Full PDB file with SEQRES, HELIX, SHEET, SSBOND, CRYST1, ORIGX, SCALE, CONECT and MASTER records, all heavy atoms in Angstrom:
SEQRES   1 A   38  PRO GLY LEU THR LEU ALA THR GLY MET SER GLY HIS GLY          
SEQRES   2 A   38  PHE GLY ILE GLY PRO GLY VAL GLY ARG VAL THR ALA ARG          
SEQRES   3 A   38  LEU VAL ALA GLY GLU ASP PRO GLN TYR ASP LEU THR              
HELIX    1 AA1 GLY A   13  VAL A   28  1                                  16    
CRYST1    1.000    1.000    1.000  90.00  90.00  90.00 P 1           1          
ORIGX1      1.000000  0.000000  0.000000        0.00000                         
ORIGX2      0.000000  1.000000  0.000000        0.00000                         
ORIGX3      0.000000  0.000000  1.000000        0.00000                         
SCALE1      1.000000  0.000000  0.000000        0.00000                         
SCALE2      0.000000  1.000000  0.000000        0.00000                         
SCALE3      0.000000  0.000000  1.000000        0.00000                         
ATOM      1  N   PRO A   1      85.443   4.564 -65.421  1.00  0.00           N  
ATOM      2  CA  PRO A   1      84.786   5.478 -66.357  1.00  0.00           C  
ATOM      3  C   PRO A   1      85.001   6.938 -65.988  1.00  0.00           C  
ATOM      4  O   PRO A   1      84.842   7.331 -64.831  1.00  0.00           O  
ATOM      5  CB  PRO A   1      83.300   5.085 -66.231  1.00  0.00           C  
ATOM      6  CG  PRO A   1      83.320   3.674 -65.746  1.00  0.00           C  
ATOM      7  CD  PRO A   1      84.513   3.575 -64.849  1.00  0.00           C  
ATOM      8  N   GLY A   2      85.407   7.722 -66.986  1.00  0.00           N  
ATOM      9  CA  GLY A   2      85.741   9.113 -66.753  1.00  0.00           C  
ATOM     10  C   GLY A   2      87.229   9.366 -66.758  1.00  0.00           C  
ATOM     11  O   GLY A   2      87.661  10.526 -66.829  1.00  0.00           O  
ATOM     12  N   LEU A   3      88.034   8.280 -66.705  1.00  0.00           N  
ATOM     13  CA  LEU A   3      89.493   8.431 -66.731  1.00  0.00           C  
ATOM     14  C   LEU A   3      90.013   8.111 -68.131  1.00  0.00           C  
ATOM     15  O   LEU A   3      89.693   7.071 -68.704  1.00  0.00           O  
ATOM     16  CB  LEU A   3      90.155   7.490 -65.724  1.00  0.00           C  
ATOM     17  CG  LEU A   3      91.692   7.557 -65.688  1.00  0.00           C  
ATOM     18  CD1 LEU A   3      92.171   8.915 -65.194  1.00  0.00           C  
ATOM     19  CD2 LEU A   3      92.268   6.432 -64.829  1.00  0.00           C  
ATOM     20  N   THR A   4      90.826   9.005 -68.668  1.00  0.00           N  
ATOM     21  CA  THR A   4      91.492   8.796 -69.949  1.00  0.00           C  
ATOM     22  C   THR A   4      92.986   8.709 -69.685  1.00  0.00           C  
ATOM     23  O   THR A   4      93.543   9.521 -68.936  1.00  0.00           O  
ATOM     24  CB  THR A   4      91.192   9.948 -70.925  1.00  0.00           C  
ATOM     25  OG1 THR A   4      89.768  10.066 -71.080  1.00  0.00           O  
ATOM     26  CG2 THR A   4      91.817   9.685 -72.286  1.00  0.00           C  
ATOM     27  N   LEU A   5      93.633   7.736 -70.303  1.00  0.00           N  
ATOM     28  CA  LEU A   5      95.041   7.454 -70.055  1.00  0.00           C  
ATOM     29  C   LEU A   5      95.874   7.796 -71.288  1.00  0.00           C  
ATOM     30  O   LEU A   5      95.553   7.388 -72.404  1.00  0.00           O  
ATOM     31  CB  LEU A   5      95.213   5.977 -69.706  1.00  0.00           C  
ATOM     32  CG  LEU A   5      96.623   5.472 -69.381  1.00  0.00           C  
ATOM     33  CD1 LEU A   5      97.182   6.170 -68.149  1.00  0.00           C  
ATOM     34  CD2 LEU A   5      96.595   3.953 -69.154  1.00  0.00           C  
ATOM     35  N   ALA A   6      96.938   8.558 -71.082  1.00  0.00           N  
ATOM     36  CA  ALA A   6      97.896   8.861 -72.150  1.00  0.00           C  
ATOM     37  C   ALA A   6      99.290   8.671 -71.553  1.00  0.00           C  
ATOM     38  O   ALA A   6      99.826   9.577 -70.909  1.00  0.00           O  
ATOM     39  CB  ALA A   6      97.711  10.276 -72.679  1.00  0.00           C  
ATOM     40  N   THR A   7      99.853   7.504 -71.733  1.00  0.00           N  
ATOM     41  CA  THR A   7     101.120   7.182 -71.083  1.00  0.00           C  
ATOM     42  C   THR A   7     101.887   6.161 -71.907  1.00  0.00           C  
ATOM     43  O   THR A   7     101.416   5.690 -72.930  1.00  0.00           O  
ATOM     44  CB  THR A   7     100.864   6.650 -69.659  1.00  0.00           C  
ATOM     45  OG1 THR A   7     102.080   6.698 -68.899  1.00  0.00           O  
ATOM     46  CG2 THR A   7     100.354   5.215 -69.677  1.00  0.00           C  
ATOM     47  N   GLY A   8     103.100   5.835 -71.439  1.00  0.00           N  
ATOM     48  CA  GLY A   8     103.925   4.840 -72.135  1.00  0.00           C  
ATOM     49  C   GLY A   8     104.474   5.359 -73.447  1.00  0.00           C  
ATOM     50  O   GLY A   8     104.535   4.624 -74.426  1.00  0.00           O  
ATOM     51  N   MET A   9     104.926   6.615 -73.471  1.00  0.00           N  
ATOM     52  CA  MET A   9     105.414   7.189 -74.725  1.00  0.00           C  
ATOM     53  C   MET A   9     106.696   6.520 -75.223  1.00  0.00           C  
ATOM     54  O   MET A   9     107.126   6.739 -76.354  1.00  0.00           O  
ATOM     55  CB  MET A   9     105.645   8.687 -74.571  1.00  0.00           C  
ATOM     56  CG  MET A   9     104.384   9.482 -74.259  1.00  0.00           C  
ATOM     57  SD  MET A   9     103.119   9.411 -75.551  1.00  0.00           S  
ATOM     58  CE  MET A   9     101.672   9.007 -74.551  1.00  0.00           C  
ATOM     59  N   SER A  10     107.327   5.718 -74.383  1.00  0.00           N  
ATOM     60  CA  SER A  10     108.421   4.828 -74.789  1.00  0.00           C  
ATOM     61  C   SER A  10     109.603   5.561 -75.422  1.00  0.00           C  
ATOM     62  O   SER A  10     110.245   5.068 -76.349  1.00  0.00           O  
ATOM     63  CB  SER A  10     107.894   3.739 -75.740  1.00  0.00           C  
ATOM     64  OG  SER A  10     106.855   2.993 -75.131  1.00  0.00           O  
ATOM     65  N   GLY A  11     109.890   6.748 -74.901  1.00  0.00           N  
ATOM     66  CA  GLY A  11     111.023   7.509 -75.407  1.00  0.00           C  
ATOM     67  C   GLY A  11     110.738   8.309 -76.654  1.00  0.00           C  
ATOM     68  O   GLY A  11     111.634   8.933 -77.211  1.00  0.00           O  
ATOM     69  N   HIS A  12     109.469   8.315 -77.102  1.00  0.00           N  
ATOM     70  CA  HIS A  12     109.096   9.017 -78.327  1.00  0.00           C  
ATOM     71  C   HIS A  12     108.170  10.192 -78.043  1.00  0.00           C  
ATOM     72  O   HIS A  12     107.602  10.774 -78.962  1.00  0.00           O  
ATOM     73  CB  HIS A  12     108.368   8.063 -79.284  1.00  0.00           C  
ATOM     74  CG  HIS A  12     109.056   6.755 -79.493  1.00  0.00           C  
ATOM     75  ND1 HIS A  12     108.376   5.588 -79.824  1.00  0.00           N  
ATOM     76  CD2 HIS A  12     110.349   6.400 -79.419  1.00  0.00           C  
ATOM     77  CE1 HIS A  12     109.232   4.591 -79.941  1.00  0.00           C  
ATOM     78  NE2 HIS A  12     110.433   5.059 -79.695  1.00  0.00           N  
ATOM     79  N   GLY A  13     107.996  10.557 -76.772  1.00  0.00           N  
ATOM     80  CA  GLY A  13     106.914  11.456 -76.419  1.00  0.00           C  
ATOM     81  C   GLY A  13     107.129  12.919 -76.722  1.00  0.00           C  
ATOM     82  O   GLY A  13     106.158  13.640 -76.967  1.00  0.00           O  
ATOM     83  N   PHE A  14     108.366  13.400 -76.713  1.00  0.00           N  
ATOM     84  CA  PHE A  14     108.591  14.835 -76.874  1.00  0.00           C  
ATOM     85  C   PHE A  14     108.081  15.323 -78.232  1.00  0.00           C  
ATOM     86  O   PHE A  14     107.293  16.266 -78.315  1.00  0.00           O  
ATOM     87  CB  PHE A  14     110.079  15.146 -76.714  1.00  0.00           C  
ATOM     88  CG  PHE A  14     110.415  16.607 -76.885  1.00  0.00           C  
ATOM     89  CD1 PHE A  14     109.963  17.544 -75.978  1.00  0.00           C  
ATOM     90  CD2 PHE A  14     111.194  17.036 -77.946  1.00  0.00           C  
ATOM     91  CE1 PHE A  14     110.277  18.897 -76.124  1.00  0.00           C  
ATOM     92  CE2 PHE A  14     111.514  18.379 -78.108  1.00  0.00           C  
ATOM     93  CZ  PHE A  14     111.053  19.310 -77.189  1.00  0.00           C  
ATOM     94  N   GLY A  15     108.507  14.682 -79.289  1.00  0.00           N  
ATOM     95  CA  GLY A  15     108.125  15.133 -80.622  1.00  0.00           C  
ATOM     96  C   GLY A  15     106.655  14.958 -80.933  1.00  0.00           C  
ATOM     97  O   GLY A  15     106.017  15.831 -81.525  1.00  0.00           O  
ATOM     98  N   ILE A  16     106.095  13.836 -80.513  1.00  0.00           N  
ATOM     99  CA  ILE A  16     104.694  13.534 -80.840  1.00  0.00           C  
ATOM    100  C   ILE A  16     103.739  14.098 -79.797  1.00  0.00           C  
ATOM    101  O   ILE A  16     102.517  14.118 -79.999  1.00  0.00           O  
ATOM    102  CB  ILE A  16     104.490  12.002 -80.967  1.00  0.00           C  
ATOM    103  CG1 ILE A  16     103.232  11.680 -81.765  1.00  0.00           C  
ATOM    104  CG2 ILE A  16     104.472  11.324 -79.601  1.00  0.00           C  
ATOM    105  CD1 ILE A  16     103.051  10.193 -82.048  1.00  0.00           C  
ATOM    106  N   GLY A  17     104.271  14.615 -78.680  1.00  0.00           N  
ATOM    107  CA  GLY A  17     103.448  15.040 -77.556  1.00  0.00           C  
ATOM    108  C   GLY A  17     102.310  15.985 -77.902  1.00  0.00           C  
ATOM    109  O   GLY A  17     101.178  15.788 -77.433  1.00  0.00           O  
ATOM    110  N   PRO A  18     102.543  17.030 -78.707  1.00  0.00           N  
ATOM    111  CA  PRO A  18     101.419  17.903 -79.048  1.00  0.00           C  
ATOM    112  C   PRO A  18     100.285  17.175 -79.760  1.00  0.00           C  
ATOM    113  O   PRO A  18      99.103  17.421 -79.491  1.00  0.00           O  
ATOM    114  CB  PRO A  18     102.071  18.957 -79.955  1.00  0.00           C  
ATOM    115  CG  PRO A  18     103.491  19.003 -79.507  1.00  0.00           C  
ATOM    116  CD  PRO A  18     103.837  17.577 -79.171  1.00  0.00           C  
ATOM    117  N   GLY A  19     100.630  16.269 -80.664  1.00  0.00           N  
ATOM    118  CA  GLY A  19      99.601  15.502 -81.358  1.00  0.00           C  
ATOM    119  C   GLY A  19      98.846  14.580 -80.426  1.00  0.00           C  
ATOM    120  O   GLY A  19      97.617  14.448 -80.503  1.00  0.00           O  
ATOM    121  N   VAL A  20      99.570  13.931 -79.506  1.00  0.00           N  
ATOM    122  CA  VAL A  20      98.910  13.062 -78.520  1.00  0.00           C  
ATOM    123  C   VAL A  20      97.996  13.886 -77.627  1.00  0.00           C  
ATOM    124  O   VAL A  20      96.881  13.462 -77.297  1.00  0.00           O  
ATOM    125  CB  VAL A  20      99.959  12.305 -77.688  1.00  0.00           C  
ATOM    126  CG1 VAL A  20      99.293  11.560 -76.529  1.00  0.00           C  
ATOM    127  CG2 VAL A  20     100.730  11.322 -78.552  1.00  0.00           C  
ATOM    128  N   GLY A  21      98.445  15.088 -77.249  1.00  0.00           N  
ATOM    129  CA  GLY A  21      97.596  15.953 -76.444  1.00  0.00           C  
ATOM    130  C   GLY A  21      96.303  16.314 -77.149  1.00  0.00           C  
ATOM    131  O   GLY A  21      95.223  16.314 -76.556  1.00  0.00           O  
ATOM    132  N   ARG A  22      96.398  16.618 -78.438  1.00  0.00           N  
ATOM    133  CA  ARG A  22      95.197  16.964 -79.209  1.00  0.00           C  
ATOM    134  C   ARG A  22      94.254  15.769 -79.321  1.00  0.00           C  
ATOM    135  O   ARG A  22      93.032  15.910 -79.148  1.00  0.00           O  
ATOM    136  CB  ARG A  22      95.599  17.471 -80.600  1.00  0.00           C  
ATOM    137  CG  ARG A  22      94.420  17.849 -81.484  1.00  0.00           C  
ATOM    138  CD  ARG A  22      94.878  18.675 -82.683  1.00  0.00           C  
ATOM    139  NE  ARG A  22      95.232  20.044 -82.289  1.00  0.00           N  
ATOM    140  CZ  ARG A  22      95.711  20.961 -83.134  1.00  0.00           C  
ATOM    141  NH1 ARG A  22      95.901  20.656 -84.408  1.00  0.00           N  
ATOM    142  NH2 ARG A  22      95.986  22.181 -82.706  1.00  0.00           N  
ATOM    143  N   VAL A  23      94.796  14.594 -79.586  1.00  0.00           N  
ATOM    144  CA  VAL A  23      93.966  13.391 -79.688  1.00  0.00           C  
ATOM    145  C   VAL A  23      93.312  13.073 -78.341  1.00  0.00           C  
ATOM    146  O   VAL A  23      92.123  12.734 -78.274  1.00  0.00           O  
ATOM    147  CB  VAL A  23      94.811  12.202 -80.182  1.00  0.00           C  
ATOM    148  CG1 VAL A  23      94.047  10.894 -80.034  1.00  0.00           C  
ATOM    149  CG2 VAL A  23      95.221  12.411 -81.637  1.00  0.00           C  
ATOM    150  N   THR A  24      94.080  13.183 -77.266  1.00  0.00           N  
ATOM    151  CA  THR A  24      93.544  12.899 -75.938  1.00  0.00           C  
ATOM    152  C   THR A  24      92.427  13.872 -75.592  1.00  0.00           C  
ATOM    153  O   THR A  24      91.392  13.482 -75.028  1.00  0.00           O  
ATOM    154  CB  THR A  24      94.659  12.978 -74.886  1.00  0.00           C  
ATOM    155  OG1 THR A  24      95.720  12.091 -75.246  1.00  0.00           O  
ATOM    156  CG2 THR A  24      94.147  12.601 -73.508  1.00  0.00           C  
ATOM    157  N   ALA A  25      92.593  15.131 -75.932  1.00  0.00           N  
ATOM    158  CA  ALA A  25      91.544  16.120 -75.679  1.00  0.00           C  
ATOM    159  C   ALA A  25      90.274  15.780 -76.445  1.00  0.00           C  
ATOM    160  O   ALA A  25      89.155  15.956 -75.928  1.00  0.00           O  
ATOM    161  CB  ALA A  25      92.043  17.517 -76.048  1.00  0.00           C  
ATOM    162  N   ARG A  26      90.433  15.314 -77.664  1.00  0.00           N  
ATOM    163  CA  ARG A  26      89.251  14.908 -78.436  1.00  0.00           C  
ATOM    164  C   ARG A  26      88.532  13.747 -77.754  1.00  0.00           C  
ATOM    165  O   ARG A  26      87.289  13.706 -77.705  1.00  0.00           O  
ATOM    166  CB  ARG A  26      89.663  14.516 -79.856  1.00  0.00           C  
ATOM    167  CG  ARG A  26      90.094  15.696 -80.731  1.00  0.00           C  
ATOM    168  CD  ARG A  26      90.751  15.219 -82.011  1.00  0.00           C  
ATOM    169  NE  ARG A  26      91.194  16.339 -82.849  1.00  0.00           N  
ATOM    170  CZ  ARG A  26      92.137  16.251 -83.785  1.00  0.00           C  
ATOM    171  NH1 ARG A  26      92.734  15.086 -84.012  1.00  0.00           N  
ATOM    172  NH2 ARG A  26      92.484  17.310 -84.491  1.00  0.00           N  
ATOM    173  N   LEU A  27      89.294  12.781 -77.218  1.00  0.00           N  
ATOM    174  CA  LEU A  27      88.667  11.665 -76.517  1.00  0.00           C  
ATOM    175  C   LEU A  27      87.896  12.154 -75.298  1.00  0.00           C  
ATOM    176  O   LEU A  27      86.761  11.723 -75.049  1.00  0.00           O  
ATOM    177  CB  LEU A  27      89.738  10.654 -76.087  1.00  0.00           C  
ATOM    178  CG  LEU A  27      90.406   9.819 -77.177  1.00  0.00           C  
ATOM    179  CD1 LEU A  27      91.500   8.947 -76.574  1.00  0.00           C  
ATOM    180  CD2 LEU A  27      89.379   8.947 -77.901  1.00  0.00           C  
ATOM    181  N   VAL A  28      88.499  13.048 -74.530  1.00  0.00           N  
ATOM    182  CA  VAL A  28      87.850  13.564 -73.329  1.00  0.00           C  
ATOM    183  C   VAL A  28      86.560  14.300 -73.692  1.00  0.00           C  
ATOM    184  O   VAL A  28      85.532  14.159 -73.005  1.00  0.00           O  
ATOM    185  CB  VAL A  28      88.802  14.511 -72.568  1.00  0.00           C  
ATOM    186  CG1 VAL A  28      88.064  15.230 -71.434  1.00  0.00           C  
ATOM    187  CG2 VAL A  28      89.994  13.739 -72.019  1.00  0.00           C  
ATOM    188  N   ALA A  29      86.588  15.044 -74.775  1.00  0.00           N  
ATOM    189  CA  ALA A  29      85.425  15.834 -75.187  1.00  0.00           C  
ATOM    190  C   ALA A  29      84.365  14.998 -75.901  1.00  0.00           C  
ATOM    191  O   ALA A  29      83.319  15.532 -76.287  1.00  0.00           O  
ATOM    192  CB  ALA A  29      85.882  16.979 -76.084  1.00  0.00           C  
ATOM    193  N   GLY A  30      84.628  13.708 -76.073  1.00  0.00           N  
ATOM    194  CA  GLY A  30      83.658  12.847 -76.743  1.00  0.00           C  
ATOM    195  C   GLY A  30      83.614  13.034 -78.241  1.00  0.00           C  
ATOM    196  O   GLY A  30      82.618  12.685 -78.892  1.00  0.00           O  
ATOM    197  N   GLU A  31      84.694  13.555 -78.815  1.00  0.00           N  
ATOM    198  CA  GLU A  31      84.762  13.818 -80.247  1.00  0.00           C  
ATOM    199  C   GLU A  31      85.456  12.672 -80.982  1.00  0.00           C  
ATOM    200  O   GLU A  31      86.106  11.812 -80.375  1.00  0.00           O  
ATOM    201  CB  GLU A  31      85.527  15.117 -80.506  1.00  0.00           C  
ATOM    202  CG  GLU A  31      84.907  16.341 -79.863  1.00  0.00           C  
ATOM    203  CD  GLU A  31      85.802  17.573 -79.955  1.00  0.00           C  
ATOM    204  OE1 GLU A  31      86.931  17.462 -80.482  1.00  0.00           O  
ATOM    205  OE2 GLU A  31      85.380  18.636 -79.480  1.00  0.00           O  
ATOM    206  N   ASP A  32      85.338  12.681 -82.283  1.00  0.00           N  
ATOM    207  CA  ASP A  32      86.074  11.743 -83.123  1.00  0.00           C  
ATOM    208  C   ASP A  32      87.564  12.059 -82.996  1.00  0.00           C  
ATOM    209  O   ASP A  32      87.988  13.184 -83.265  1.00  0.00           O  
ATOM    210  CB  ASP A  32      85.617  11.916 -84.583  1.00  0.00           C  
ATOM    211  CG  ASP A  32      86.313  10.945 -85.536  1.00  0.00           C  
ATOM    212  OD1 ASP A  32      87.279  10.266 -85.131  1.00  0.00           O  
ATOM    213  OD2 ASP A  32      85.887  10.882 -86.703  1.00  0.00           O  
ATOM    214  N   PRO A  33      88.405  11.088 -82.599  1.00  0.00           N  
ATOM    215  CA  PRO A  33      89.838  11.383 -82.470  1.00  0.00           C  
ATOM    216  C   PRO A  33      90.515  11.677 -83.804  1.00  0.00           C  
ATOM    217  O   PRO A  33      91.633  12.179 -83.829  1.00  0.00           O  
ATOM    218  CB  PRO A  33      90.404  10.105 -81.835  1.00  0.00           C  
ATOM    219  CG  PRO A  33      89.425   9.041 -82.182  1.00  0.00           C  
ATOM    220  CD  PRO A  33      88.084   9.710 -82.216  1.00  0.00           C  
ATOM    221  N   GLN A  34      89.846  11.338 -84.909  1.00  0.00           N  
ATOM    222  CA  GLN A  34      90.314  11.598 -86.274  1.00  0.00           C  
ATOM    223  C   GLN A  34      91.459  10.698 -86.716  1.00  0.00           C  
ATOM    224  O   GLN A  34      92.024  10.888 -87.798  1.00  0.00           O  
ATOM    225  CB  GLN A  34      90.670  13.081 -86.464  1.00  0.00           C  
ATOM    226  CG  GLN A  34      89.482  14.004 -86.234  1.00  0.00           C  
ATOM    227  CD  GLN A  34      89.800  15.462 -86.498  1.00  0.00           C  
ATOM    228  OE1 GLN A  34      90.726  15.792 -87.236  1.00  0.00           O  
ATOM    229  NE2 GLN A  34      89.014  16.352 -85.909  1.00  0.00           N  
ATOM    230  N   TYR A  35      91.815   9.748 -85.879  1.00  0.00           N  
ATOM    231  CA  TYR A  35      92.824   8.757 -86.246  1.00  0.00           C  
ATOM    232  C   TYR A  35      92.377   7.397 -85.736  1.00  0.00           C  
ATOM    233  O   TYR A  35      91.603   7.300 -84.777  1.00  0.00           O  
ATOM    234  CB  TYR A  35      94.190   9.100 -85.628  1.00  0.00           C  
ATOM    235  CG  TYR A  35      94.735  10.435 -86.069  1.00  0.00           C  
ATOM    236  CD1 TYR A  35      94.744  11.523 -85.199  1.00  0.00           C  
ATOM    237  CD2 TYR A  35      95.223  10.618 -87.361  1.00  0.00           C  
ATOM    238  CE1 TYR A  35      95.226  12.760 -85.599  1.00  0.00           C  
ATOM    239  CE2 TYR A  35      95.699  11.851 -87.775  1.00  0.00           C  
ATOM    240  CZ  TYR A  35      95.699  12.915 -86.892  1.00  0.00           C  
ATOM    241  OH  TYR A  35      96.172  14.137 -87.302  1.00  0.00           O  
ATOM    242  N   ASP A  36      92.885   6.354 -86.349  1.00  0.00           N  
ATOM    243  CA  ASP A  36      92.629   4.994 -85.875  1.00  0.00           C  
ATOM    244  C   ASP A  36      93.527   4.745 -84.666  1.00  0.00           C  
ATOM    245  O   ASP A  36      94.752   4.662 -84.794  1.00  0.00           O  
ATOM    246  CB  ASP A  36      92.931   3.991 -86.989  1.00  0.00           C  
ATOM    247  CG  ASP A  36      92.652   2.554 -86.575  1.00  0.00           C  
ATOM    248  OD1 ASP A  36      92.241   2.330 -85.418  1.00  0.00           O  
ATOM    249  OD2 ASP A  36      92.869   1.644 -87.403  1.00  0.00           O  
ATOM    250  N   LEU A  37      92.922   4.610 -83.500  1.00  0.00           N  
ATOM    251  CA  LEU A  37      93.683   4.428 -82.264  1.00  0.00           C  
ATOM    252  C   LEU A  37      93.734   2.975 -81.803  1.00  0.00           C  
ATOM    253  O   LEU A  37      94.109   2.693 -80.660  1.00  0.00           O  
ATOM    254  CB  LEU A  37      93.087   5.302 -81.151  1.00  0.00           C  
ATOM    255  CG  LEU A  37      93.034   6.815 -81.413  1.00  0.00           C  
ATOM    256  CD1 LEU A  37      92.488   7.540 -80.192  1.00  0.00           C  
ATOM    257  CD2 LEU A  37      94.405   7.361 -81.791  1.00  0.00           C  
ATOM    258  N   THR A  38      93.377   2.057 -82.684  1.00  0.00           N  
ATOM    259  CA  THR A  38      93.371   0.640 -82.310  1.00  0.00           C  
ATOM    260  C   THR A  38      94.716   0.193 -81.754  1.00  0.00           C  
ATOM    261  O   THR A  38      94.784  -0.547 -80.761  1.00  0.00           O  
ATOM    262  CB  THR A  38      93.010  -0.229 -83.531  1.00  0.00           C  
ATOM    263  OG1 THR A  38      91.746   0.184 -84.050  1.00  0.00           O  
ATOM    264  CG2 THR A  38      92.939  -1.698 -83.147  1.00  0.00           C  
TER     265      THR A  38                                                      
MASTER        0    0    0    1    0    0    0    6  264    1    0    3          
END                                                                             
């Protein structure tokens, strides 16, 4: 608890990286990620 994981970009990380960073920050801050992360 307290650890958030953002890894395994599988060769797709450069382009989507800013969006993943924003979503990850929302998770850390306890906010709605605004996307279905299932």
